[in-house]
Amino acid sequence: MLTPLLVEERARRGAYVEQRKFDLEHVSKRVAELEKEYGVAYDAARPFPLDRGVGKAVYEAGFALALETGLYVVEESRVAKFAEEELREALESARRELTLGRGLDSRTLWARLPGDRRKPFVFGGLAGTPVPEEYFYATALSYAQQPLVDALD
């Protein structure tokens, strides 16, 4: 069973890889291969396909990607790897709901299923986007003021 300490240890001891190399060679290249392997392609005419087979293919391709590439730990420039059984157990035991914030600012993030009619949880923000410091505050504030946004990332 994965524990937080075990994950942290793997994050510190995993293989060293520069972020750009991980993004381009480990992730982007493999995603392109998995798209072909699993027959996953974006169709602008059907942004939300109703065929459950598409969802299954996307899940399986994503699982394969996670298993093969691991988890990149930015602070350490290392890759934490996990066994298939560990990933499956983590997915099966994952919480189905998580409440973020307090009081009037609280929002509940839940696992959505096909056909779910609840409004999707919307993250807004600049996660992973390089933004000059002088623009960060105003941009983050604009996301925070949007009624559609449930949480900032």
N, C-alpha and C. Protein backbone atom coordinates (compact mmCIF):
# COMPACT_ATOMS: atom_id res chain seq x y z
N MET A 1 0.84 -1.18 0.00
CA MET A 1 0.00 0.00 0.00
C MET A 1 0.88 1.25 0.00
N LEU A 2 0.50 2.20 -0.84
CA LEU A 2 1.24 3.45 -0.89
C LEU A 2 0.89 4.32 0.31
N THR A 3 1.90 4.81 0.96
CA THR A 3 1.70 5.74 2.06
C THR A 3 2.33 7.07 1.65
N PRO A 4 1.94 8.17 2.28
CA PRO A 4 2.56 9.45 1.93
C PRO A 4 4.09 9.42 2.06
N LEU A 5 4.61 8.73 3.07
CA LEU A 5 6.06 8.68 3.25
C LEU A 5 6.74 7.89 2.13
N LEU A 6 6.10 6.84 1.67
CA LEU A 6 6.66 6.05 0.56
C LEU A 6 6.67 6.87 -0.73
N VAL A 7 5.60 7.60 -0.98
CA VAL A 7 5.54 8.46 -2.17
C VAL A 7 6.63 9.52 -2.08
N GLU A 8 6.79 10.11 -0.90
CA GLU A 8 7.81 11.15 -0.71
C GLU A 8 9.21 10.59 -0.92
N GLU A 9 9.46 9.38 -0.46
CA GLU A 9 10.77 8.75 -0.64
C GLU A 9 11.05 8.52 -2.13
N ARG A 10 10.06 8.04 -2.85
CA ARG A 10 10.25 7.82 -4.28
C ARG A 10 10.47 9.14 -5.02
N ALA A 11 9.82 10.19 -4.54
CA ALA A 11 10.00 11.51 -5.15
C ALA A 11 11.44 11.99 -4.97
N ARG A 12 12.05 11.66 -3.85
CA ARG A 12 13.43 12.09 -3.59
C ARG A 12 14.46 11.20 -4.25
N ARG A 13 14.13 9.93 -4.48
CA ARG A 13 15.11 8.97 -4.98
C ARG A 13 14.90 8.55 -6.43
N GLY A 14 13.86 9.06 -7.07
CA GLY A 14 13.59 8.67 -8.45
C GLY A 14 14.67 9.15 -9.41
N ALA A 15 14.57 8.69 -10.63
CA ALA A 15 15.55 9.06 -11.66
C ALA A 15 15.52 10.57 -11.91
N TYR A 16 16.70 11.16 -12.04
CA TYR A 16 16.80 12.59 -12.33
C TYR A 16 16.54 12.81 -13.81
N VAL A 17 15.62 13.72 -14.13
CA VAL A 17 15.30 14.06 -15.51
C VAL A 17 14.99 15.55 -15.56
N GLU A 18 15.58 16.25 -16.52
CA GLU A 18 15.25 17.67 -16.68
C GLU A 18 13.80 17.79 -17.13
N GLN A 19 13.12 18.82 -16.64
CA GLN A 19 11.69 18.96 -16.90
C GLN A 19 11.36 19.00 -18.38
N ARG A 20 12.12 19.75 -19.14
CA ARG A 20 11.84 19.86 -20.58
C ARG A 20 11.96 18.50 -21.26
N LYS A 21 12.97 17.74 -20.88
CA LYS A 21 13.15 16.40 -21.45
C LYS A 21 11.99 15.49 -21.05
N PHE A 22 11.57 15.56 -19.80
CA PHE A 22 10.44 14.75 -19.35
C PHE A 22 9.19 15.10 -20.14
N ASP A 23 8.91 16.40 -20.26
CA ASP A 23 7.71 16.84 -20.97
C ASP A 23 7.71 16.41 -22.43
N LEU A 24 8.83 16.63 -23.11
CA LEU A 24 8.88 16.37 -24.55
C LEU A 24 9.09 14.89 -24.89
N GLU A 25 10.05 14.27 -24.25
CA GLU A 25 10.41 12.90 -24.62
C GLU A 25 9.60 11.84 -23.89
N HIS A 26 9.33 12.06 -22.63
CA HIS A 26 8.63 11.04 -21.85
C HIS A 26 7.11 11.15 -22.00
N VAL A 27 6.59 12.38 -21.98
CA VAL A 27 5.14 12.54 -22.00
C VAL A 27 4.61 12.79 -23.41
N SER A 28 4.99 13.88 -24.04
CA SER A 28 4.41 14.25 -25.34
C SER A 28 4.58 13.16 -26.39
N LYS A 29 5.76 12.64 -26.48
CA LYS A 29 6.03 11.59 -27.47
C LYS A 29 5.18 10.35 -27.19
N ARG A 30 5.11 9.96 -25.92
CA ARG A 30 4.35 8.76 -25.56
C ARG A 30 2.85 8.98 -25.72
N VAL A 31 2.36 10.18 -25.44
CA VAL A 31 0.94 10.48 -25.63
C VAL A 31 0.56 10.28 -27.10
N ALA A 32 1.40 10.78 -28.00
CA ALA A 32 1.12 10.62 -29.43
C ALA A 32 1.06 9.14 -29.82
N GLU A 33 1.96 8.34 -29.25
CA GLU A 33 1.96 6.91 -29.54
C GLU A 33 0.71 6.23 -28.97
N LEU A 34 0.34 6.61 -27.76
CA LEU A 34 -0.84 6.01 -27.12
C LEU A 34 -2.13 6.39 -27.82
N GLU A 35 -2.20 7.60 -28.37
CA GLU A 35 -3.38 8.00 -29.13
C GLU A 35 -3.62 7.03 -30.28
N LYS A 36 -2.55 6.69 -30.98
CA LYS A 36 -2.66 5.75 -32.10
C LYS A 36 -2.97 4.34 -31.59
N GLU A 37 -2.24 3.92 -30.57
CA GLU A 37 -2.39 2.57 -30.03
C GLU A 37 -3.81 2.30 -29.53
N TYR A 38 -4.43 3.29 -28.88
CA TYR A 38 -5.76 3.11 -28.31
C TYR A 38 -6.87 3.70 -29.17
N GLY A 39 -6.52 4.25 -30.32
CA GLY A 39 -7.53 4.80 -31.22
C GLY A 39 -8.24 6.02 -30.65
N VAL A 40 -7.51 6.83 -29.94
CA VAL A 40 -8.08 8.03 -29.32
C VAL A 40 -7.74 9.23 -30.19
N ALA A 41 -8.76 9.97 -30.59
CA ALA A 41 -8.55 11.17 -31.40
C ALA A 41 -9.64 12.17 -31.07
N TYR A 42 -9.29 13.44 -31.12
CA TYR A 42 -10.27 14.49 -30.85
C TYR A 42 -11.08 14.75 -32.11
N ASP A 43 -12.38 14.79 -31.96
CA ASP A 43 -13.29 15.08 -33.06
C ASP A 43 -14.04 16.36 -32.70
N ALA A 44 -13.73 17.46 -33.38
CA ALA A 44 -14.35 18.75 -33.07
C ALA A 44 -15.87 18.71 -33.23
N ALA A 45 -16.36 17.84 -34.08
CA ALA A 45 -17.80 17.73 -34.29
C ALA A 45 -18.48 17.06 -33.09
N ARG A 46 -17.70 16.31 -32.31
CA ARG A 46 -18.24 15.63 -31.12
C ARG A 46 -17.29 15.82 -29.94
N PRO A 47 -17.29 17.01 -29.36
CA PRO A 47 -16.36 17.25 -28.25
C PRO A 47 -16.65 16.38 -27.03
N PHE A 48 -17.90 15.90 -26.90
CA PHE A 48 -18.27 15.02 -25.80
C PHE A 48 -18.88 13.75 -26.37
N PRO A 49 -18.04 12.80 -26.79
CA PRO A 49 -18.58 11.59 -27.40
C PRO A 49 -19.43 10.79 -26.41
N LEU A 50 -20.50 10.22 -26.91
CA LEU A 50 -21.39 9.43 -26.08
C LEU A 50 -20.99 7.96 -26.03
N ASP A 51 -20.10 7.57 -26.90
CA ASP A 51 -19.63 6.19 -26.96
C ASP A 51 -18.77 5.89 -25.74
N ARG A 52 -19.23 4.98 -24.88
CA ARG A 52 -18.48 4.65 -23.66
C ARG A 52 -17.14 4.01 -23.98
N GLY A 53 -17.01 3.45 -25.17
CA GLY A 53 -15.74 2.86 -25.57
C GLY A 53 -14.63 3.89 -25.65
N VAL A 54 -14.99 5.12 -26.00
CA VAL A 54 -14.00 6.20 -26.07
C VAL A 54 -13.48 6.50 -24.67
N GLY A 55 -14.39 6.60 -23.72
CA GLY A 55 -13.98 6.86 -22.34
C GLY A 55 -13.07 5.77 -21.81
N LYS A 56 -13.41 4.54 -22.11
CA LYS A 56 -12.58 3.41 -21.66
C LYS A 56 -11.20 3.47 -22.30
N ALA A 57 -11.15 3.79 -23.58
CA ALA A 57 -9.86 3.88 -24.28
C ALA A 57 -9.00 5.01 -23.70
N VAL A 58 -9.63 6.15 -23.41
CA VAL A 58 -8.89 7.28 -22.82
C VAL A 58 -8.35 6.89 -21.45
N TYR A 59 -9.19 6.23 -20.64
CA TYR A 59 -8.76 5.79 -19.31
C TYR A 59 -7.57 4.82 -19.42
N GLU A 60 -7.69 3.83 -20.28
CA GLU A 60 -6.63 2.83 -20.42
C GLU A 60 -5.33 3.46 -20.93
N ALA A 61 -5.45 4.38 -21.87
CA ALA A 61 -4.26 5.07 -22.38
C ALA A 61 -3.62 5.92 -21.28
N GLY A 62 -4.45 6.61 -20.50
CA GLY A 62 -3.94 7.42 -19.40
C GLY A 62 -3.28 6.57 -18.33
N PHE A 63 -3.87 5.42 -18.04
CA PHE A 63 -3.29 4.52 -17.05
C PHE A 63 -1.94 4.01 -17.53
N ALA A 64 -1.87 3.64 -18.81
CA ALA A 64 -0.60 3.18 -19.38
C ALA A 64 0.45 4.28 -19.30
N LEU A 65 0.04 5.51 -19.59
CA LEU A 65 0.97 6.65 -19.51
C LEU A 65 1.48 6.83 -18.08
N ALA A 66 0.59 6.79 -17.11
CA ALA A 66 0.99 6.95 -15.71
C ALA A 66 1.94 5.83 -15.28
N LEU A 67 1.65 4.63 -15.70
CA LEU A 67 2.48 3.48 -15.34
C LEU A 67 3.88 3.59 -15.95
N GLU A 68 3.93 3.98 -17.21
CA GLU A 68 5.21 4.05 -17.92
C GLU A 68 6.05 5.27 -17.56
N THR A 69 5.41 6.43 -17.46
CA THR A 69 6.18 7.66 -17.26
C THR A 69 6.39 8.01 -15.80
N GLY A 70 5.48 7.60 -14.94
CA GLY A 70 5.60 7.95 -13.53
C GLY A 70 5.11 9.37 -13.28
N LEU A 71 5.43 9.86 -12.10
CA LEU A 71 5.00 11.18 -11.65
C LEU A 71 6.22 12.09 -11.57
N TYR A 72 6.19 13.19 -12.30
CA TYR A 72 7.33 14.11 -12.29
C TYR A 72 7.22 15.04 -11.08
N VAL A 73 8.29 15.10 -10.30
CA VAL A 73 8.33 15.94 -9.11
C VAL A 73 9.19 17.16 -9.44
N VAL A 74 8.53 18.27 -9.70
CA VAL A 74 9.20 19.48 -10.18
C VAL A 74 10.30 19.94 -9.22
N GLU A 75 10.01 19.97 -7.93
CA GLU A 75 10.97 20.49 -6.95
C GLU A 75 12.26 19.68 -6.90
N GLU A 76 12.19 18.42 -7.25
CA GLU A 76 13.36 17.53 -7.19
C GLU A 76 13.93 17.20 -8.57
N SER A 77 13.18 17.52 -9.63
CA SER A 77 13.55 17.12 -11.00
C SER A 77 13.74 15.61 -11.07
N ARG A 78 12.85 14.90 -10.41
CA ARG A 78 12.94 13.44 -10.37
C ARG A 78 11.59 12.83 -10.73
N VAL A 79 11.65 11.55 -11.11
CA VAL A 79 10.44 10.83 -11.51
C VAL A 79 10.17 9.73 -10.49
N ALA A 80 9.00 9.79 -9.87
CA ALA A 80 8.57 8.75 -8.95
C ALA A 80 7.78 7.72 -9.75
N LYS A 81 8.16 6.47 -9.64
CA LYS A 81 7.49 5.39 -10.38
C LYS A 81 6.66 4.54 -9.42
N PHE A 82 5.59 3.96 -9.97
CA PHE A 82 4.70 3.13 -9.17
C PHE A 82 4.34 1.87 -9.94
N ALA A 83 4.14 0.78 -9.21
CA ALA A 83 3.75 -0.49 -9.81
C ALA A 83 2.28 -0.43 -10.21
N GLU A 84 1.90 -1.29 -11.14
CA GLU A 84 0.51 -1.32 -11.60
C GLU A 84 -0.46 -1.54 -10.45
N GLU A 85 -0.13 -2.47 -9.56
CA GLU A 85 -1.01 -2.76 -8.42
C GLU A 85 -1.16 -1.53 -7.52
N GLU A 86 -0.07 -0.79 -7.34
CA GLU A 86 -0.12 0.41 -6.50
C GLU A 86 -1.04 1.47 -7.11
N LEU A 87 -0.94 1.65 -8.42
CA LEU A 87 -1.80 2.63 -9.09
C LEU A 87 -3.27 2.22 -9.01
N ARG A 88 -3.54 0.94 -9.26
CA ARG A 88 -4.93 0.47 -9.20
C ARG A 88 -5.50 0.62 -7.79
N GLU A 89 -4.72 0.26 -6.80
CA GLU A 89 -5.18 0.39 -5.41
C GLU A 89 -5.43 1.86 -5.06
N ALA A 90 -4.56 2.74 -5.51
CA ALA A 90 -4.73 4.17 -5.23
C ALA A 90 -6.02 4.69 -5.87
N LEU A 91 -6.30 4.26 -7.09
CA LEU A 91 -7.52 4.69 -7.77
C LEU A 91 -8.77 4.15 -7.08
N GLU A 92 -8.71 2.89 -6.66
CA GLU A 92 -9.87 2.28 -6.01
C GLU A 92 -10.15 2.90 -4.64
N SER A 93 -9.10 3.32 -3.94
CA SER A 93 -9.30 3.86 -2.60
C SER A 93 -9.41 5.38 -2.57
N ALA A 94 -9.33 6.02 -3.73
CA ALA A 94 -9.39 7.48 -3.78
C ALA A 94 -10.76 7.98 -3.31
N ARG A 95 -10.75 9.11 -2.64
CA ARG A 95 -12.00 9.72 -2.19
C ARG A 95 -12.84 10.11 -3.39
N ARG A 96 -14.14 9.99 -3.26
CA ARG A 96 -15.05 10.34 -4.34
C ARG A 96 -15.52 11.78 -4.25
N GLU A 97 -15.32 12.40 -3.08
CA GLU A 97 -15.69 13.80 -2.88
C GLU A 97 -14.63 14.48 -2.03
N LEU A 98 -14.43 15.77 -2.29
CA LEU A 98 -13.49 16.56 -1.52
C LEU A 98 -14.02 17.98 -1.44
N THR A 99 -14.20 18.47 -0.22
CA THR A 99 -14.68 19.84 -0.05
C THR A 99 -13.48 20.76 0.14
N LEU A 100 -13.44 21.81 -0.66
CA LEU A 100 -12.37 22.80 -0.62
C LEU A 100 -12.94 24.11 -0.10
N GLY A 101 -12.19 24.84 0.69
CA GLY A 101 -12.63 26.12 1.20
C GLY A 101 -13.53 25.97 2.42
N ARG A 102 -13.99 27.13 2.93
CA ARG A 102 -14.85 27.14 4.11
C ARG A 102 -15.99 28.11 3.93
N GLY A 103 -17.06 27.85 4.64
CA GLY A 103 -18.20 28.76 4.65
C GLY A 103 -18.77 28.99 3.27
N LEU A 104 -19.03 30.26 2.96
CA LEU A 104 -19.61 30.60 1.66
C LEU A 104 -18.66 30.31 0.50
N ASP A 105 -17.37 30.18 0.81
CA ASP A 105 -16.38 29.91 -0.23
C ASP A 105 -16.14 28.41 -0.43
N SER A 106 -16.83 27.55 0.28
CA SER A 106 -16.58 26.12 0.13
C SER A 106 -17.23 25.59 -1.15
N ARG A 107 -16.55 24.66 -1.77
CA ARG A 107 -17.03 24.00 -2.98
C ARG A 107 -16.68 22.52 -2.86
N THR A 108 -17.53 21.66 -3.39
CA THR A 108 -17.27 20.23 -3.34
C THR A 108 -16.89 19.72 -4.73
N LEU A 109 -15.75 19.10 -4.77
CA LEU A 109 -15.24 18.46 -5.99
C LEU A 109 -15.62 16.99 -5.89
N TRP A 110 -16.26 16.44 -6.91
CA TRP A 110 -16.68 15.05 -6.85
C TRP A 110 -16.30 14.34 -8.13
N ALA A 111 -16.26 13.02 -8.02
CA ALA A 111 -15.98 12.19 -9.19
C ALA A 111 -17.22 12.18 -10.07
N ARG A 112 -17.07 12.59 -11.31
CA ARG A 112 -18.21 12.60 -12.23
C ARG A 112 -18.21 11.32 -13.06
N LEU A 113 -19.38 10.88 -13.40
CA LEU A 113 -19.54 9.68 -14.21
C LEU A 113 -20.22 10.05 -15.52
N PRO A 114 -20.12 9.20 -16.53
CA PRO A 114 -20.82 9.50 -17.79
C PRO A 114 -22.30 9.75 -17.53
N GLY A 115 -22.83 10.78 -18.15
CA GLY A 115 -24.24 11.12 -17.99
C GLY A 115 -24.54 11.96 -16.77
N ASP A 116 -23.53 12.27 -15.97
CA ASP A 116 -23.73 13.08 -14.77
C ASP A 116 -24.26 14.46 -15.16
N ARG A 117 -25.35 14.87 -14.56
CA ARG A 117 -25.97 16.14 -14.92
C ARG A 117 -25.53 17.30 -14.02
N ARG A 118 -24.71 17.00 -13.03
CA ARG A 118 -24.23 18.08 -12.16
C ARG A 118 -23.24 18.96 -12.92
N LYS A 119 -23.21 20.21 -12.53
CA LYS A 119 -22.29 21.16 -13.14
C LYS A 119 -20.85 20.72 -12.86
N PRO A 120 -19.99 20.71 -13.88
CA PRO A 120 -18.60 20.33 -13.63
C PRO A 120 -17.91 21.32 -12.69
N PHE A 121 -16.97 20.83 -11.93
CA PHE A 121 -16.15 21.66 -11.05
C PHE A 121 -15.14 22.38 -11.94
N VAL A 122 -15.04 23.68 -11.80
CA VAL A 122 -14.17 24.46 -12.68
C VAL A 122 -12.99 25.03 -11.89
N PHE A 123 -11.78 24.62 -12.30
CA PHE A 123 -10.57 25.21 -11.76
C PHE A 123 -10.17 26.35 -12.69
N GLY A 124 -9.86 27.49 -12.14
CA GLY A 124 -9.37 28.60 -12.93
C GLY A 124 -8.01 29.00 -12.41
N GLY A 125 -7.22 29.55 -13.26
CA GLY A 125 -5.92 30.01 -12.78
C GLY A 125 -4.82 29.78 -13.78
N LEU A 126 -3.63 29.90 -13.28
CA LEU A 126 -2.45 29.93 -14.13
C LEU A 126 -1.52 28.74 -13.91
N ALA A 127 -2.02 27.65 -13.36
CA ALA A 127 -1.15 26.51 -13.05
C ALA A 127 -0.33 26.09 -14.25
N GLY A 128 0.97 26.06 -14.05
CA GLY A 128 1.87 25.62 -15.11
C GLY A 128 2.14 26.64 -16.19
N THR A 129 1.55 27.81 -16.08
CA THR A 129 1.73 28.83 -17.10
C THR A 129 2.71 29.89 -16.61
N PRO A 130 3.82 30.07 -17.31
CA PRO A 130 4.75 31.11 -16.88
C PRO A 130 4.12 32.49 -17.09
N VAL A 131 4.05 33.27 -16.02
CA VAL A 131 3.45 34.60 -16.09
C VAL A 131 4.39 35.58 -15.39
N PRO A 132 4.70 36.68 -16.05
CA PRO A 132 5.55 37.68 -15.38
C PRO A 132 4.90 38.12 -14.07
N GLU A 133 5.72 38.32 -13.06
CA GLU A 133 5.22 38.65 -11.73
C GLU A 133 4.30 39.87 -11.72
N GLU A 134 4.59 40.85 -12.55
CA GLU A 134 3.77 42.06 -12.53
C GLU A 134 2.34 41.82 -13.04
N TYR A 135 2.11 40.71 -13.75
CA TYR A 135 0.76 40.40 -14.25
C TYR A 135 0.04 39.35 -13.40
N PHE A 136 0.79 38.67 -12.54
CA PHE A 136 0.22 37.54 -11.82
C PHE A 136 -0.98 37.92 -10.96
N TYR A 137 -0.83 38.92 -10.11
CA TYR A 137 -1.91 39.28 -9.18
C TYR A 137 -3.19 39.65 -9.92
N ALA A 138 -3.08 40.52 -10.91
CA ALA A 138 -4.28 40.96 -11.64
C ALA A 138 -4.94 39.79 -12.37
N THR A 139 -4.13 38.91 -12.91
CA THR A 139 -4.68 37.76 -13.64
C THR A 139 -5.36 36.79 -12.67
N ALA A 140 -4.70 36.49 -11.56
CA ALA A 140 -5.29 35.58 -10.57
C ALA A 140 -6.59 36.18 -10.01
N LEU A 141 -6.59 37.47 -9.77
CA LEU A 141 -7.79 38.15 -9.27
C LEU A 141 -8.94 38.05 -10.27
N SER A 142 -8.63 38.17 -11.55
CA SER A 142 -9.69 38.08 -12.55
C SER A 142 -10.32 36.69 -12.56
N TYR A 143 -9.51 35.65 -12.37
CA TYR A 143 -10.07 34.29 -12.27
C TYR A 143 -10.93 34.17 -11.01
N ALA A 144 -10.45 34.71 -9.90
CA ALA A 144 -11.17 34.61 -8.63
C ALA A 144 -12.53 35.30 -8.69
N GLN A 145 -12.66 36.31 -9.52
CA GLN A 145 -13.92 37.06 -9.61
C GLN A 145 -14.94 36.43 -10.55
N GLN A 146 -14.54 35.42 -11.28
CA GLN A 146 -15.47 34.77 -12.21
C GLN A 146 -16.42 33.85 -11.46
N PRO A 147 -17.73 34.06 -11.58
CA PRO A 147 -18.68 33.22 -10.85
C PRO A 147 -18.61 31.74 -11.26
N LEU A 148 -18.19 31.47 -12.48
CA LEU A 148 -18.12 30.10 -12.98
C LEU A 148 -17.00 29.30 -12.30
N VAL A 149 -15.96 29.99 -11.83
CA VAL A 149 -14.78 29.33 -11.26
C VAL A 149 -15.06 28.89 -9.82
N ASP A 150 -14.83 27.60 -9.56
CA ASP A 150 -15.03 27.05 -8.22
C ASP A 150 -13.78 27.14 -7.36
N ALA A 151 -12.61 27.03 -7.97
CA ALA A 151 -11.36 27.06 -7.22
C ALA A 151 -10.24 27.54 -8.12
N LEU A 152 -9.22 28.10 -7.50
CA LEU A 152 -8.03 28.54 -8.25
C LEU A 152 -6.95 27.48 -8.12
N ASP A 153 -6.27 27.22 -9.23
CA ASP A 153 -5.17 26.25 -9.16
C ASP A 153 -3.85 26.97 -9.20
